[in-house]
Amino acid sequence: MPRPRRTLTLKLPDEFIELCRRDGVPPETVLRGFIADLCGITNYADDPRDDGYASHGSDERDMAYEYYERVGYPYWNR
């Protein structure tokens, strides 16, 4: 049985909004893509996801996790 979706309200800084606006990409798309890359969420053409989460590829997954690990998030509570 799938887990319930979580909703998070987050105030985004103007700099992030401006970056997205300049590049013509919705902020939700950027955040959803990063989350998918970080978590290794795949979206197959023959079995598409309905939530819009899809990794951009193996290199992007590696780089997202590298960033996460380099910041130290996995070690914050150890």
C-alpha atoms as a PDB file:
ATOM      1  CA  MET A   1       0.000   0.000   0.000  1.00  0.00           C
ATOM      2  CA  PRO A   2       1.511   3.385  -0.972  1.00  0.00           C
ATOM      3  CA  ARG A   3       2.372   5.861   1.741  1.00  0.00           C
ATOM      4  CA  PRO A   4       0.277   9.017   1.976  1.00  0.00           C
ATOM      5  CA  ARG A   5       1.708  12.080   0.255  1.00  0.00           C
ATOM      6  CA  ARG A   6       3.265  14.709   2.474  1.00  0.00           C
ATOM      7  CA  THR A   7       2.665  18.385   1.907  1.00  0.00           C
ATOM      8  CA  LEU A   8       5.239  20.956   2.947  1.00  0.00           C
ATOM      9  CA  THR A   9       4.785  24.700   2.832  1.00  0.00           C
ATOM     10  CA  LEU A  10       8.083  26.429   2.199  1.00  0.00           C
ATOM     11  CA  LYS A  11       8.823  30.105   1.702  1.00  0.00           C
ATOM     12  CA  LEU A  12      11.190  30.335  -1.238  1.00  0.00           C
ATOM     13  CA  PRO A  13      13.781  33.110  -1.450  1.00  0.00           C
ATOM     14  CA  ASP A  14      13.421  35.730  -4.153  1.00  0.00           C
ATOM     15  CA  GLU A  15      16.797  34.683  -5.588  1.00  0.00           C
ATOM     16  CA  PHE A  16      15.524  31.173  -6.299  1.00  0.00           C
ATOM     17  CA  ILE A  17      12.292  32.464  -7.807  1.00  0.00           C
ATOM     18  CA  GLU A  18      14.251  34.903  -9.996  1.00  0.00           C
ATOM     19  CA  LEU A  19      16.650  32.170 -11.157  1.00  0.00           C
ATOM     20  CA  CYS A  20      13.723  29.987 -12.166  1.00  0.00           C
ATOM     21  CA  ARG A  21      11.902  32.885 -13.821  1.00  0.00           C
ATOM     22  CA  ARG A  22      15.047  33.844 -15.765  1.00  0.00           C
ATOM     23  CA  ASP A  23      15.435  30.291 -17.044  1.00  0.00           C
ATOM     24  CA  GLY A  24      11.719  29.845 -17.709  1.00  0.00           C
ATOM     25  CA  VAL A  25      11.249  26.869 -15.415  1.00  0.00           C
ATOM     26  CA  PRO A  26       8.664  26.626 -12.622  1.00  0.00           C
ATOM     27  CA  PRO A  27      10.238  26.368  -9.139  1.00  0.00           C
ATOM     28  CA  GLU A  28       8.109  23.275  -8.480  1.00  0.00           C
ATOM     29  CA  THR A  29       9.736  21.543 -11.443  1.00  0.00           C
ATOM     30  CA  VAL A  30      13.248  22.260 -10.148  1.00  0.00           C
ATOM     31  CA  LEU A  31      12.471  21.062  -6.626  1.00  0.00           C
ATOM     32  CA  ARG A  32      10.540  17.996  -7.808  1.00  0.00           C
ATOM     33  CA  GLY A  33      13.416  17.066 -10.153  1.00  0.00           C
ATOM     34  CA  PHE A  34      16.067  17.462  -7.447  1.00  0.00           C
ATOM     35  CA  ILE A  35      14.059  15.357  -5.016  1.00  0.00           C
ATOM     36  CA  ALA A  36      13.601  12.665  -7.657  1.00  0.00           C
ATOM     37  CA  ASP A  37      17.323  12.655  -8.463  1.00  0.00           C
ATOM     38  CA  LEU A  38      18.312  12.582  -4.790  1.00  0.00           C
ATOM     39  CA  CYS A  39      15.957   9.704  -4.006  1.00  0.00           C
ATOM     40  CA  GLY A  40      16.520   7.806  -7.260  1.00  0.00           C
ATOM     41  CA  ILE A  41      12.872   8.035  -8.282  1.00  0.00           C
ATOM     42  CA  THR A  42      12.427   6.688 -11.782  1.00  0.00           C
ATOM     43  CA  ASN A  43       9.469   7.219 -14.080  1.00  0.00           C
ATOM     44  CA  TYR A  44       9.208   4.593 -16.775  1.00  0.00           C
ATOM     45  CA  ALA A  45       7.304   5.237 -20.012  1.00  0.00           C
ATOM     46  CA  ASP A  46       5.533   1.879 -19.697  1.00  0.00           C
ATOM     47  CA  ASP A  47       4.662   2.497 -16.030  1.00  0.00           C
ATOM     48  CA  PRO A  48       4.426   6.281 -15.525  1.00  0.00           C
ATOM     49  CA  ARG A  49       4.109   7.886 -12.119  1.00  0.00           C
ATOM     50  CA  ASP A  50       1.147  10.153 -11.508  1.00  0.00           C
ATOM     51  CA  ASP A  51       2.936  12.479  -9.082  1.00  0.00           C
ATOM     52  CA  GLY A  52       5.351  14.139 -11.524  1.00  0.00           C
ATOM     53  CA  TYR A  53       8.540  12.884  -9.855  1.00  0.00           C
ATOM     54  CA  ALA A  54      11.161  11.606 -12.305  1.00  0.00           C
ATOM     55  CA  SER A  55      14.930  11.419 -12.090  1.00  0.00           C
ATOM     56  CA  HIS A  56      16.902  13.065 -14.863  1.00  0.00           C
ATOM     57  CA  GLY A  57      19.404  10.218 -15.155  1.00  0.00           C
ATOM     58  CA  SER A  58      22.180   8.383 -13.362  1.00  0.00           C
ATOM     59  CA  ASP A  59      24.699  11.249 -13.438  1.00  0.00           C
ATOM     60  CA  GLU A  60      22.113  13.620 -11.973  1.00  0.00           C
ATOM     61  CA  ARG A  61      21.251  11.078  -9.264  1.00  0.00           C
ATOM     62  CA  ASP A  62      24.930  10.737  -8.384  1.00  0.00           C
ATOM     63  CA  MET A  63      25.475  14.513  -8.261  1.00  0.00           C
ATOM     64  CA  ALA A  64      22.356  15.130  -6.168  1.00  0.00           C
ATOM     65  CA  TYR A  65      23.439  12.550  -3.617  1.00  0.00           C
ATOM     66  CA  GLU A  66      27.015  13.873  -3.680  1.00  0.00           C
ATOM     67  CA  TYR A  67      25.677  17.319  -2.777  1.00  0.00           C
ATOM     68  CA  TYR A  68      23.485  15.870  -0.008  1.00  0.00           C
ATOM     69  CA  GLU A  69      26.372  13.899   1.439  1.00  0.00           C
ATOM     70  CA  ARG A  70      28.927  16.724   1.065  1.00  0.00           C
ATOM     71  CA  VAL A  71      26.675  19.075   3.043  1.00  0.00           C
ATOM     72  CA  GLY A  72      26.641  16.394   5.726  1.00  0.00           C
ATOM     73  CA  TYR A  73      22.914  15.655   5.964  1.00  0.00           C
ATOM     74  CA  PRO A  74      23.378  11.882   6.439  1.00  0.00           C
ATOM     75  CA  TYR A  75      25.544  12.535   9.495  1.00  0.00           C
ATOM     76  CA  TRP A  76      23.530  15.215  11.298  1.00  0.00           C
ATOM     77  CA  ASN A  77      21.934  12.820  13.759  1.00  0.00           C
ATOM     78  CA  ARG A  78      24.678  10.262  14.247  1.00  0.00           C
END
